[in-house]
Amino acid sequence: MAMEIKTYIDNLFGYLDTYENTYAQFETEAFLQTYNGIIAVFQALRQQRNEAVEVDQYFLSKIRQSPLTSSDLRQLTVQVLITFFESEADTDGQSAQAYGYVRGLRGVKQDIPFFENHLVPLLFAEGGLNNNYRLRSFLLGEISRYMNKFGGRLRPNLSPEEFQAMSDPMKVLELARRRRELGEQMIADRTSLEFHLQRIEFFNKLGARDRQIDQFLRDWNYIKTTSFWTTVKTAFGELGGKLRGAFSSFGYFRLILSQRNPAYFFYGLIIALFIFLAVYVPLTWQDYSDNRLQEYQQRANTLQSSGK
């Protein structure tokens, strides 16, 4: 196993180098598959202690080759991956040297505060991760998974006021954690925080402040997207309903016209209608006359030909 995982580690750090030097050649899905291939063996290394120590040493050697600050992807990937490795694979403190090294580079040593105060803002930095939504979504999922498994207990009954007091990146993390822990259909539960926030259109306001956050909210269907034609159809439907109501009673119609804006609209509509008819009727009559003239000419030509 150790040789196989070392190959995966080599490939992972190779992808990080490609991301930093020739991003056009960076393969997002291959990078994520390699990451998943590494993290999948962490549980097995709990029992295979010699291999765990060997993998730990190999991680450390690869990490030391480049500063973690070489790129946002390197810092996010290494910090999250090695923290998972220490939490899942290290049972006796013998395979924690890589973790000790990356932890020593942190301004905040504790895992959860470091994730919340440094990695999450880095994840949502403007233009970060080369605006690669797939990378951002995956790493948000990994941070959420770690915090749900090893961090503080999720609060299902979090109040809207407490949620709104969070920073915008932390709001998205909280939503991601809730989706992972409580299910992806919380938005349909009338008692849920998500349902309440959607009902008061808070998600629309949150998304309007940050395009990257907006992409998550739309992907999760927390912001309802309507097409242009749906909007037009709705507007005409509302207009038609108002007109039907206005003409349903002559008394009500007179009352409507006594109000300035509806009166302007009605008389403007009448004027527009007459202008349209003034243009449309002559053009239509001209087309009709031209067609009739062509028919007479064709008939005359036919009669002349027959006379010959």
C-alpha atoms as a PDB file:
ATOM      1  CA  MET A   1       0.000   0.000   0.000  1.00  0.00           C
ATOM      2  CA  ALA A   2       2.798   2.422   0.870  1.00  0.00           C
ATOM      3  CA  MET A   3       4.258   2.352  -2.646  1.00  0.00           C
ATOM      4  CA  GLU A   4       0.834   2.882  -4.219  1.00  0.00           C
ATOM      5  CA  ILE A   5      -0.068   5.829  -2.015  1.00  0.00           C
ATOM      6  CA  LYS A   6       3.367   7.382  -2.621  1.00  0.00           C
ATOM      7  CA  THR A   7       2.573   7.384  -6.341  1.00  0.00           C
ATOM      8  CA  TYR A   8      -0.706   9.139  -5.608  1.00  0.00           C
ATOM      9  CA  ILE A   9       1.117  11.690  -3.428  1.00  0.00           C
ATOM     10  CA  ASP A  10       3.643  12.339  -6.201  1.00  0.00           C
ATOM     11  CA  ASN A  11       0.795  12.893  -8.648  1.00  0.00           C
ATOM     12  CA  LEU A  12      -1.041  15.209  -6.249  1.00  0.00           C
ATOM     13  CA  PHE A  13       1.962  17.482  -5.741  1.00  0.00           C
ATOM     14  CA  GLY A  14       2.623  17.335  -9.471  1.00  0.00           C
ATOM     15  CA  TYR A  15      -0.856  18.717 -10.058  1.00  0.00           C
ATOM     16  CA  LEU A  16      -0.158  21.498  -7.542  1.00  0.00           C
ATOM     17  CA  ASP A  17       2.991  22.420  -9.482  1.00  0.00           C
ATOM     18  CA  THR A  18       0.992  22.465 -12.731  1.00  0.00           C
ATOM     19  CA  TYR A  19      -1.679  24.649 -11.137  1.00  0.00           C
ATOM     20  CA  GLU A  20       0.958  27.178 -10.087  1.00  0.00           C
ATOM     21  CA  ASN A  21       3.075  27.188 -13.237  1.00  0.00           C
ATOM     22  CA  THR A  22       0.876  26.219 -16.213  1.00  0.00           C
ATOM     23  CA  TYR A  23      -2.737  26.461 -15.106  1.00  0.00           C
ATOM     24  CA  ALA A  24      -4.042  25.936 -18.657  1.00  0.00           C
ATOM     25  CA  GLN A  25      -2.800  22.317 -18.389  1.00  0.00           C
ATOM     26  CA  PHE A  26      -4.249  21.738 -14.925  1.00  0.00           C
ATOM     27  CA  GLU A  27      -6.763  18.858 -14.859  1.00  0.00           C
ATOM     28  CA  THR A  28      -9.320  19.525 -12.149  1.00  0.00           C
ATOM     29  CA  GLU A  29     -11.067  16.139 -12.131  1.00  0.00           C
ATOM     30  CA  ALA A  30      -7.802  14.206 -12.190  1.00  0.00           C
ATOM     31  CA  PHE A  31      -6.559  16.279  -9.249  1.00  0.00           C
ATOM     32  CA  LEU A  32      -9.720  15.547  -7.243  1.00  0.00           C
ATOM     33  CA  GLN A  33      -9.609  11.839  -8.025  1.00  0.00           C
ATOM     34  CA  THR A  34      -5.993  11.707  -6.852  1.00  0.00           C
ATOM     35  CA  TYR A  35      -6.889  13.524  -3.624  1.00  0.00           C
ATOM     36  CA  ASN A  36      -9.742  11.075  -3.004  1.00  0.00           C
ATOM     37  CA  GLY A  37      -7.464   8.133  -3.730  1.00  0.00           C
ATOM     38  CA  ILE A  38      -5.077   9.301  -1.003  1.00  0.00           C
ATOM     39  CA  ILE A  39      -7.622  10.115   1.652  1.00  0.00           C
ATOM     40  CA  ALA A  40      -9.454   6.813   1.109  1.00  0.00           C
ATOM     41  CA  VAL A  41      -6.608   4.808   2.718  1.00  0.00           C
ATOM     42  CA  PHE A  42      -6.280   6.887   5.886  1.00  0.00           C
ATOM     43  CA  GLN A  43      -8.590   4.644   7.903  1.00  0.00           C
ATOM     44  CA  ALA A  44      -6.629   1.537   6.889  1.00  0.00           C
ATOM     45  CA  LEU A  45      -3.379   3.168   8.047  1.00  0.00           C
ATOM     46  CA  ARG A  46      -4.740   3.254  11.607  1.00  0.00           C
ATOM     47  CA  GLN A  47      -3.925  -0.468  11.850  1.00  0.00           C
ATOM     48  CA  GLN A  48      -0.830  -0.447   9.625  1.00  0.00           C
ATOM     49  CA  ARG A  49       1.392   1.675  11.803  1.00  0.00           C
ATOM     50  CA  ASN A  50       4.699   1.123  10.003  1.00  0.00           C
ATOM     51  CA  GLU A  51       3.186   2.178   6.721  1.00  0.00           C
ATOM     52  CA  ALA A  52       1.496   5.149   8.398  1.00  0.00           C
ATOM     53  CA  VAL A  53       4.881   6.384   9.666  1.00  0.00           C
ATOM     54  CA  GLU A  54       6.386   5.876   6.198  1.00  0.00           C
ATOM     55  CA  VAL A  55       3.576   7.802   4.520  1.00  0.00           C
ATOM     56  CA  ASP A  56       3.898  10.561   7.110  1.00  0.00           C
ATOM     57  CA  GLN A  57       7.600  10.950   6.319  1.00  0.00           C
ATOM     58  CA  TYR A  58       6.871  11.006   2.610  1.00  0.00           C
ATOM     59  CA  PHE A  59       4.222  13.680   3.066  1.00  0.00           C
ATOM     60  CA  LEU A  60       6.695  15.769   5.036  1.00  0.00           C
ATOM     61  CA  SER A  61       9.380  15.506   2.351  1.00  0.00           C
ATOM     62  CA  LYS A  62       6.962  16.599  -0.386  1.00  0.00           C
ATOM     63  CA  ILE A  63       5.520  19.475   1.660  1.00  0.00           C
ATOM     64  CA  ARG A  64       8.964  20.916   2.385  1.00  0.00           C
ATOM     65  CA  GLN A  65       9.815  21.191  -1.315  1.00  0.00           C
ATOM     66  CA  SER A  66       7.670  24.320  -1.810  1.00  0.00           C
ATOM     67  CA  PRO A  67       6.275  26.988   0.521  1.00  0.00           C
ATOM     68  CA  LEU A  68       2.616  26.435   1.341  1.00  0.00           C
ATOM     69  CA  THR A  69       2.021  30.044   0.360  1.00  0.00           C
ATOM     70  CA  SER A  70       3.042  29.288  -3.242  1.00  0.00           C
ATOM     71  CA  SER A  71      -0.657  29.189  -4.094  1.00  0.00           C
ATOM     72  CA  ASP A  72      -4.068  29.161  -2.484  1.00  0.00           C
ATOM     73  CA  LEU A  73      -4.702  25.630  -3.760  1.00  0.00           C
ATOM     74  CA  ARG A  74      -1.472  24.297  -2.230  1.00  0.00           C
ATOM     75  CA  GLN A  75      -2.241  25.845   1.140  1.00  0.00           C
ATOM     76  CA  LEU A  76      -5.863  24.673   1.217  1.00  0.00           C
ATOM     77  CA  THR A  77      -5.086  21.177  -0.045  1.00  0.00           C
ATOM     78  CA  VAL A  78      -2.117  20.484   2.215  1.00  0.00           C
ATOM     79  CA  GLN A  79      -3.636  21.928   5.379  1.00  0.00           C
ATOM     80  CA  VAL A  80      -6.927  20.073   4.943  1.00  0.00           C
ATOM     81  CA  LEU A  81      -5.408  16.789   3.758  1.00  0.00           C
ATOM     82  CA  ILE A  82      -2.712  16.603   6.449  1.00  0.00           C
ATOM     83  CA  THR A  83      -5.202  17.556   9.183  1.00  0.00           C
ATOM     84  CA  PHE A  84      -7.414  14.681   8.030  1.00  0.00           C
ATOM     85  CA  PHE A  85      -4.365  12.398   8.008  1.00  0.00           C
ATOM     86  CA  GLU A  86      -3.490  13.253  11.616  1.00  0.00           C
ATOM     87  CA  SER A  87      -7.095  12.879  12.768  1.00  0.00           C
ATOM     88  CA  GLU A  88      -7.847   9.600  10.976  1.00  0.00           C
ATOM     89  CA  ALA A  89      -4.534   7.753  10.542  1.00  0.00           C
ATOM     90  CA  ASP A  90      -2.441   8.747  13.555  1.00  0.00           C
ATOM     91  CA  THR A  91      -3.379   6.783  16.685  1.00  0.00           C
ATOM     92  CA  ASP A  92      -0.135   6.891  18.665  1.00  0.00           C
ATOM     93  CA  GLY A  93       1.550  10.183  17.780  1.00  0.00           C
ATOM     94  CA  GLN A  94       4.178   8.374  15.698  1.00  0.00           C
ATOM     95  CA  SER A  95       2.827   9.544  12.321  1.00  0.00           C
ATOM     96  CA  ALA A  96       2.186  13.218  13.021  1.00  0.00           C
ATOM     97  CA  GLN A  97       5.381  14.911  11.858  1.00  0.00           C
ATOM     98  CA  ALA A  98       3.825  16.282   8.660  1.00  0.00           C
ATOM     99  CA  TYR A  99       0.922  17.617  10.705  1.00  0.00           C
ATOM    100  CA  GLY A 100       3.298  19.171  13.231  1.00  0.00           C
ATOM    101  CA  TYR A 101       5.139  20.913  10.394  1.00  0.00           C
ATOM    102  CA  VAL A 102       2.068  22.447   8.709  1.00  0.00           C
ATOM    103  CA  ARG A 103       0.544  23.305  12.080  1.00  0.00           C
ATOM    104  CA  GLY A 104       3.717  25.191  12.963  1.00  0.00           C
ATOM    105  CA  LEU A 105       3.166  27.418   9.904  1.00  0.00           C
ATOM    106  CA  ARG A 106      -0.236  28.550  11.127  1.00  0.00           C
ATOM    107  CA  GLY A 107      -0.919  31.821  12.839  1.00  0.00           C
ATOM    108  CA  VAL A 108      -3.644  30.004  14.795  1.00  0.00           C
ATOM    109  CA  LYS A 109      -2.642  26.522  15.943  1.00  0.00           C
ATOM    110  CA  GLN A 110      -6.033  24.958  16.690  1.00  0.00           C
ATOM    111  CA  ASP A 111      -7.625  23.250  13.713  1.00  0.00           C
ATOM    112  CA  ILE A 112     -11.201  24.569  13.821  1.00  0.00           C
ATOM    113  CA  PRO A 113     -10.353  28.240  14.490  1.00  0.00           C
ATOM    114  CA  PHE A 114      -7.679  28.048  11.779  1.00  0.00           C
ATOM    115  CA  PHE A 115     -10.144  26.597   9.275  1.00  0.00           C
ATOM    116  CA  GLU A 116     -12.789  29.202  10.132  1.00  0.00           C
ATOM    117  CA  ASN A 117     -10.569  32.274  10.348  1.00  0.00           C
ATOM    118  CA  HIS A 118      -8.046  31.530   7.603  1.00  0.00           C
ATOM    119  CA  LEU A 119      -8.959  28.717   5.204  1.00  0.00           C
ATOM    120  CA  VAL A 120     -12.611  29.628   4.685  1.00  0.00           C
ATOM    121  CA  PRO A 121     -11.865  33.306   3.864  1.00  0.00           C
ATOM    122  CA  LEU A 122      -9.042  32.096   1.586  1.00  0.00           C
ATOM    123  CA  LEU A 123     -11.503  29.779  -0.141  1.00  0.00           C
ATOM    124  CA  PHE A 124     -13.796  32.709  -0.959  1.00  0.00           C
ATOM    125  CA  ALA A 125     -11.155  35.308  -1.757  1.00  0.00           C
ATOM    126  CA  GLU A 126     -12.014  37.352  -4.842  1.00  0.00           C
ATOM    127  CA  GLY A 127     -10.578  35.601  -7.896  1.00  0.00           C
ATOM    128  CA  GLY A 128      -9.242  32.788  -5.718  1.00  0.00           C
ATOM    129  CA  LEU A 129      -8.578  29.296  -7.073  1.00  0.00           C
ATOM    130  CA  ASN A 130      -8.575  30.856 -10.556  1.00  0.00           C
ATOM    131  CA  ASN A 131     -12.357  31.136 -10.222  1.00  0.00           C
ATOM    132  CA  ASN A 132     -12.548  27.355 -10.498  1.00  0.00           C
ATOM    133  CA  TYR A 133     -15.971  26.604  -9.002  1.00  0.00           C
ATOM    134  CA  ARG A 134     -15.387  22.846  -9.046  1.00  0.00           C
ATOM    135  CA  LEU A 135     -12.299  23.215  -6.850  1.00  0.00           C
ATOM    136  CA  ARG A 136     -13.997  25.668  -4.522  1.00  0.00           C
ATOM    137  CA  SER A 137     -17.044  23.430  -4.130  1.00  0.00           C
ATOM    138  CA  PHE A 138     -14.945  20.339  -3.443  1.00  0.00           C
ATOM    139  CA  LEU A 139     -12.740  22.010  -0.843  1.00  0.00           C
ATOM    140  CA  LEU A 140     -15.752  23.569   0.858  1.00  0.00           C
ATOM    141  CA  GLY A 141     -17.175  20.048   1.083  1.00  0.00           C
ATOM    142  CA  GLU A 142     -13.963  18.723   2.628  1.00  0.00           C
ATOM    143  CA  ILE A 143     -13.809  21.509   5.213  1.00  0.00           C
ATOM    144  CA  SER A 144     -17.481  20.894   6.034  1.00  0.00           C
ATOM    145  CA  ARG A 145     -16.851  17.168   6.363  1.00  0.00           C
ATOM    146  CA  TYR A 146     -13.917  17.693   8.695  1.00  0.00           C
ATOM    147  CA  MET A 147     -15.784  20.147  10.911  1.00  0.00           C
ATOM    148  CA  ASN A 148     -18.855  17.912  11.129  1.00  0.00           C
ATOM    149  CA  LYS A 149     -16.712  14.918  12.057  1.00  0.00           C
ATOM    150  CA  PHE A 150     -14.071  16.442  14.313  1.00  0.00           C
ATOM    151  CA  GLY A 151     -15.306  19.953  15.116  1.00  0.00           C
ATOM    152  CA  GLY A 152     -18.046  21.366  17.249  1.00  0.00           C
ATOM    153  CA  ARG A 153     -21.544  19.956  17.156  1.00  0.00           C
ATOM    154  CA  LEU A 154     -23.806  21.393  14.468  1.00  0.00           C
ATOM    155  CA  ARG A 155     -26.757  23.406  15.784  1.00  0.00           C
ATOM    156  CA  PRO A 156     -29.898  22.373  13.858  1.00  0.00           C
ATOM    157  CA  ASN A 157     -31.999  25.084  15.521  1.00  0.00           C
ATOM    158  CA  LEU A 158     -29.666  27.966  14.704  1.00  0.00           C
ATOM    159  CA  SER A 159     -31.715  31.175  14.709  1.00  0.00           C
ATOM    160  CA  PRO A 160     -31.848  33.527  11.697  1.00  0.00           C
ATOM    161  CA  GLU A 161     -30.334  36.284  13.833  1.00  0.00           C
ATOM    162  CA  GLU A 162     -27.332  34.124  14.769  1.00  0.00           C
ATOM    163  CA  PHE A 163     -26.889  33.070  11.158  1.00  0.00           C
ATOM    164  CA  GLN A 164     -27.030  36.623   9.827  1.00  0.00           C
ATOM    165  CA  ALA A 165     -24.392  37.723  12.363  1.00  0.00           C
ATOM    166  CA  MET A 166     -21.814  35.444  10.682  1.00  0.00           C
ATOM    167  CA  SER A 167     -19.427  36.624   7.974  1.00  0.00           C
ATOM    168  CA  ASP A 168     -20.580  35.804   4.448  1.00  0.00           C
ATOM    169  CA  PRO A 169     -18.037  32.979   3.892  1.00  0.00           C
ATOM    170  CA  MET A 170     -19.011  31.462   7.255  1.00  0.00           C
ATOM    171  CA  LYS A 171     -22.671  31.609   6.235  1.00  0.00           C
ATOM    172  CA  VAL A 172     -21.890  29.445   3.207  1.00  0.00           C
ATOM    173  CA  LEU A 173     -19.844  27.041   5.353  1.00  0.00           C
ATOM    174  CA  GLU A 174     -22.714  26.766   7.822  1.00  0.00           C
ATOM    175  CA  LEU A 175     -25.158  26.005   5.005  1.00  0.00           C
ATOM    176  CA  ALA A 176     -22.765  23.419   3.561  1.00  0.00           C
ATOM    177  CA  ARG A 177     -22.412  21.728   6.954  1.00  0.00           C
ATOM    178  CA  ARG A 178     -26.192  21.660   7.398  1.00  0.00           C
ATOM    179  CA  ARG A 179     -26.690  20.142   3.945  1.00  0.00           C
ATOM    180  CA  ARG A 180     -24.191  17.411   4.745  1.00  0.00           C
ATOM    181  CA  GLU A 181     -25.549  16.686   8.225  1.00  0.00           C
ATOM    182  CA  LEU A 182     -29.284  17.375   7.914  1.00  0.00           C
ATOM    183  CA  GLY A 183     -29.875  16.600   4.241  1.00  0.00           C
ATOM    184  CA  GLU A 184     -30.042  18.573   1.019  1.00  0.00           C
ATOM    185  CA  GLN A 185     -33.833  19.106   1.142  1.00  0.00           C
ATOM    186  CA  MET A 186     -33.927  21.343   4.220  1.00  0.00           C
ATOM    187  CA  ILE A 187     -35.143  24.177   2.013  1.00  0.00           C
ATOM    188  CA  ALA A 188     -38.491  22.345   1.707  1.00  0.00           C
ATOM    189  CA  ASP A 189     -38.937  22.051   5.501  1.00  0.00           C
ATOM    190  CA  ARG A 190     -41.153  24.933   6.631  1.00  0.00           C
ATOM    191  CA  THR A 191     -39.601  24.822  10.103  1.00  0.00           C
ATOM    192  CA  SER A 192     -36.014  25.080   8.874  1.00  0.00           C
ATOM    193  CA  LEU A 193     -33.645  28.017   8.874  1.00  0.00           C
ATOM    194  CA  GLU A 194     -33.200  27.608   5.116  1.00  0.00           C
ATOM    195  CA  PHE A 195     -36.929  27.863   4.386  1.00  0.00           C
ATOM    196  CA  HIS A 196     -37.235  31.024   6.476  1.00  0.00           C
ATOM    197  CA  LEU A 197     -34.222  32.659   4.828  1.00  0.00           C
ATOM    198  CA  GLN A 198     -35.528  31.879   1.362  1.00  0.00           C
ATOM    199  CA  ARG A 199     -39.001  33.182   2.240  1.00  0.00           C
ATOM    200  CA  ILE A 200     -37.616  36.583   3.281  1.00  0.00           C
ATOM    201  CA  GLU A 201     -35.351  36.563   0.170  1.00  0.00           C
ATOM    202  CA  PHE A 202     -32.194  36.706   2.289  1.00  0.00           C
ATOM    203  CA  PHE A 203     -30.368  34.382  -0.102  1.00  0.00           C
ATOM    204  CA  ASN A 204     -30.993  36.780  -2.996  1.00  0.00           C
ATOM    205  CA  LYS A 205     -29.387  39.600  -1.016  1.00  0.00           C
ATOM    206  CA  LEU A 206     -26.487  37.397   0.054  1.00  0.00           C
ATOM    207  CA  GLY A 207     -25.827  36.255  -3.500  1.00  0.00           C
ATOM    208  CA  ALA A 208     -26.023  39.815  -4.817  1.00  0.00           C
ATOM    209  CA  ARG A 209     -23.070  40.771  -2.599  1.00  0.00           C
ATOM    210  CA  ASP A 210     -20.734  38.062  -3.922  1.00  0.00           C
ATOM    211  CA  ARG A 211     -20.806  36.313  -7.294  1.00  0.00           C
ATOM    212  CA  GLN A 212     -18.967  33.260  -5.934  1.00  0.00           C
ATOM    213  CA  ILE A 213     -21.472  32.808  -3.110  1.00  0.00           C
ATOM    214  CA  ASP A 214     -24.323  33.381  -5.561  1.00  0.00           C
ATOM    215  CA  GLN A 215     -23.084  30.390  -7.566  1.00  0.00           C
ATOM    216  CA  PHE A 216     -23.359  28.103  -4.530  1.00  0.00           C
ATOM    217  CA  LEU A 217     -26.820  29.348  -3.623  1.00  0.00           C
ATOM    218  CA  ARG A 218     -28.102  28.796  -7.157  1.00  0.00           C
ATOM    219  CA  ASP A 219     -26.465  25.377  -7.362  1.00  0.00           C
ATOM    220  CA  TRP A 220     -28.266  24.422  -4.143  1.00  0.00           C
ATOM    221  CA  ASN A 221     -31.562  25.897  -5.440  1.00  0.00           C
ATOM    222  CA  TYR A 222     -31.673  28.404  -2.590  1.00  0.00           C
ATOM    223  CA  ILE A 223     -32.173  31.186  -5.127  1.00  0.00           C
ATOM    224  CA  LYS A 224     -35.067  30.645  -7.497  1.00  0.00           C
ATOM    225  CA  THR A 225     -34.066  31.384 -11.060  1.00  0.00           C
ATOM    226  CA  THR A 226     -36.728  32.564 -13.503  1.00  0.00           C
ATOM    227  CA  SER A 227     -36.214  32.922 -17.236  1.00  0.00           C
ATOM    228  CA  PHE A 228     -36.818  36.148 -19.146  1.00  0.00           C
ATOM    229  CA  TRP A 229     -39.942  34.790 -20.810  1.00  0.00           C
ATOM    230  CA  THR A 230     -41.315  33.596 -17.493  1.00  0.00           C
ATOM    231  CA  THR A 231     -40.873  37.115 -16.136  1.00  0.00           C
ATOM    232  CA  VAL A 232     -42.574  38.608 -19.192  1.00  0.00           C
ATOM    233  CA  LYS A 233     -45.435  36.114 -18.968  1.00  0.00           C
ATOM    234  CA  THR A 234     -45.917  36.897 -15.273  1.00  0.00           C
ATOM    235  CA  ALA A 235     -45.927  40.649 -15.934  1.00  0.00           C
ATOM    236  CA  PHE A 236     -48.529  40.334 -18.700  1.00  0.00           C
ATOM    237  CA  GLY A 237     -50.570  38.003 -16.524  1.00  0.00           C
ATOM    238  CA  GLU A 238     -50.660  40.583 -13.751  1.00  0.00           C
ATOM    239  CA  LEU A 239     -51.498  43.336 -16.260  1.00  0.00           C
ATOM    240  CA  GLY A 240     -54.284  41.229 -17.756  1.00  0.00           C
ATOM    241  CA  GLY A 241     -55.720  40.574 -14.306  1.00  0.00           C
ATOM    242  CA  LYS A 242     -55.744  44.284 -13.518  1.00  0.00           C
ATOM    243  CA  LEU A 243     -57.417  45.138 -16.844  1.00  0.00           C
ATOM    244  CA  ARG A 244     -60.076  42.461 -16.372  1.00  0.00           C
ATOM    245  CA  GLY A 245     -60.734  43.819 -12.906  1.00  0.00           C
ATOM    246  CA  ALA A 246     -60.905  47.380 -14.202  1.00  0.00           C
ATOM    247  CA  PHE A 247     -63.428  46.540 -16.932  1.00  0.00           C
ATOM    248  CA  SER A 248     -65.533  44.264 -14.737  1.00  0.00           C
ATOM    249  CA  SER A 249     -67.442  47.241 -13.383  1.00  0.00           C
ATOM    250  CA  PHE A 250     -68.001  50.624 -15.019  1.00  0.00           C
ATOM    251  CA  GLY A 251     -68.006  52.323 -11.619  1.00  0.00           C
ATOM    252  CA  TYR A 252     -64.691  50.711 -10.700  1.00  0.00           C
ATOM    253  CA  PHE A 253     -63.323  51.629 -14.131  1.00  0.00           C
ATOM    254  CA  ARG A 254     -64.204  55.294 -13.572  1.00  0.00           C
ATOM    255  CA  LEU A 255     -62.535  55.138 -10.148  1.00  0.00           C
ATOM    256  CA  ILE A 256     -59.374  53.711 -11.711  1.00  0.00           C
ATOM    257  CA  LEU A 257     -59.269  56.506 -14.296  1.00  0.00           C
ATOM    258  CA  SER A 258     -59.590  59.123 -11.583  1.00  0.00           C
ATOM    259  CA  GLN A 259     -56.145  58.090 -10.297  1.00  0.00           C
ATOM    260  CA  ARG A 260     -53.211  59.752 -12.055  1.00  0.00           C
ATOM    261  CA  ASN A 261     -50.911  56.808 -12.924  1.00  0.00           C
ATOM    262  CA  PRO A 262     -53.640  54.403 -14.129  1.00  0.00           C
ATOM    263  CA  ALA A 263     -55.191  57.253 -16.145  1.00  0.00           C
ATOM    264  CA  TYR A 264     -51.863  58.056 -17.800  1.00  0.00           C
ATOM    265  CA  PHE A 265     -51.397  54.393 -18.574  1.00  0.00           C
ATOM    266  CA  PHE A 266     -54.915  53.967 -20.017  1.00  0.00           C
ATOM    267  CA  TYR A 267     -54.821  57.064 -22.206  1.00  0.00           C
ATOM    268  CA  GLY A 268     -51.283  56.257 -23.266  1.00  0.00           C
ATOM    269  CA  LEU A 269     -52.480  52.797 -24.267  1.00  0.00           C
ATOM    270  CA  ILE A 270     -55.345  54.295 -26.296  1.00  0.00           C
ATOM    271  CA  ILE A 271     -52.971  56.729 -28.035  1.00  0.00           C
ATOM    272  CA  ALA A 272     -50.521  53.921 -28.821  1.00  0.00           C
ATOM    273  CA  LEU A 273     -53.383  51.831 -30.219  1.00  0.00           C
ATOM    274  CA  PHE A 274     -54.517  54.623 -32.568  1.00  0.00           C
ATOM    275  CA  ILE A 275     -50.950  55.277 -33.709  1.00  0.00           C
ATOM    276  CA  PHE A 276     -50.559  51.578 -34.430  1.00  0.00           C
ATOM    277  CA  LEU A 277     -53.820  51.513 -36.423  1.00  0.00           C
ATOM    278  CA  ALA A 278     -52.819  54.676 -38.291  1.00  0.00           C
ATOM    279  CA  VAL A 279     -49.691  52.931 -39.520  1.00  0.00           C
ATOM    280  CA  TYR A 280     -50.977  49.372 -39.813  1.00  0.00           C
ATOM    281  CA  VAL A 281     -54.245  50.005 -41.742  1.00  0.00           C
ATOM    282  CA  PRO A 282     -52.711  52.023 -44.634  1.00  0.00           C
ATOM    283  CA  LEU A 283     -49.857  49.533 -44.980  1.00  0.00           C
ATOM    284  CA  THR A 284     -52.268  46.630 -45.025  1.00  0.00           C
ATOM    285  CA  TRP A 285     -54.530  48.387 -47.546  1.00  0.00           C
ATOM    286  CA  GLN A 286     -51.527  49.187 -49.723  1.00  0.00           C
ATOM    287  CA  ASP A 287     -50.452  45.533 -49.706  1.00  0.00           C
ATOM    288  CA  TYR A 288     -54.009  44.510 -50.600  1.00  0.00           C
ATOM    289  CA  SER A 289     -54.168  47.031 -53.454  1.00  0.00           C
ATOM    290  CA  ASP A 290     -50.798  45.905 -54.818  1.00  0.00           C
ATOM    291  CA  ASN A 291     -51.891  42.283 -54.780  1.00  0.00           C
ATOM    292  CA  ARG A 292     -55.153  43.082 -56.583  1.00  0.00           C
ATOM    293  CA  LEU A 293     -53.307  45.157 -59.195  1.00  0.00           C
ATOM    294  CA  GLN A 294     -50.926  42.288 -59.871  1.00  0.00           C
ATOM    295  CA  GLU A 295     -53.891  39.945 -60.327  1.00  0.00           C
ATOM    296  CA  TYR A 296     -55.530  42.301 -62.869  1.00  0.00           C
ATOM    297  CA  GLN A 297     -52.300  42.673 -64.774  1.00  0.00           C
ATOM    298  CA  GLN A 298     -51.782  38.913 -64.917  1.00  0.00           C
ATOM    299  CA  ARG A 299     -55.381  38.437 -66.119  1.00  0.00           C
ATOM    300  CA  ALA A 300     -54.949  41.119 -68.776  1.00  0.00           C
ATOM    301  CA  ASN A 301     -51.759  39.503 -69.996  1.00  0.00           C
ATOM    302  CA  THR A 302     -53.521  36.152 -70.153  1.00  0.00           C
ATOM    303  CA  LEU A 303     -56.387  37.603 -72.220  1.00  0.00           C
ATOM    304  CA  GLN A 304     -54.015  39.304 -74.618  1.00  0.00           C
ATOM    305  CA  SER A 305     -52.126  36.067 -75.120  1.00  0.00           C
ATOM    306  CA  SER A 306     -55.371  34.212 -75.845  1.00  0.00           C
ATOM    307  CA  GLY A 307     -56.420  36.875 -78.400  1.00  0.00           C
ATOM    308  CA  LYS A 308     -53.261  36.351 -80.348  1.00  0.00           C
END
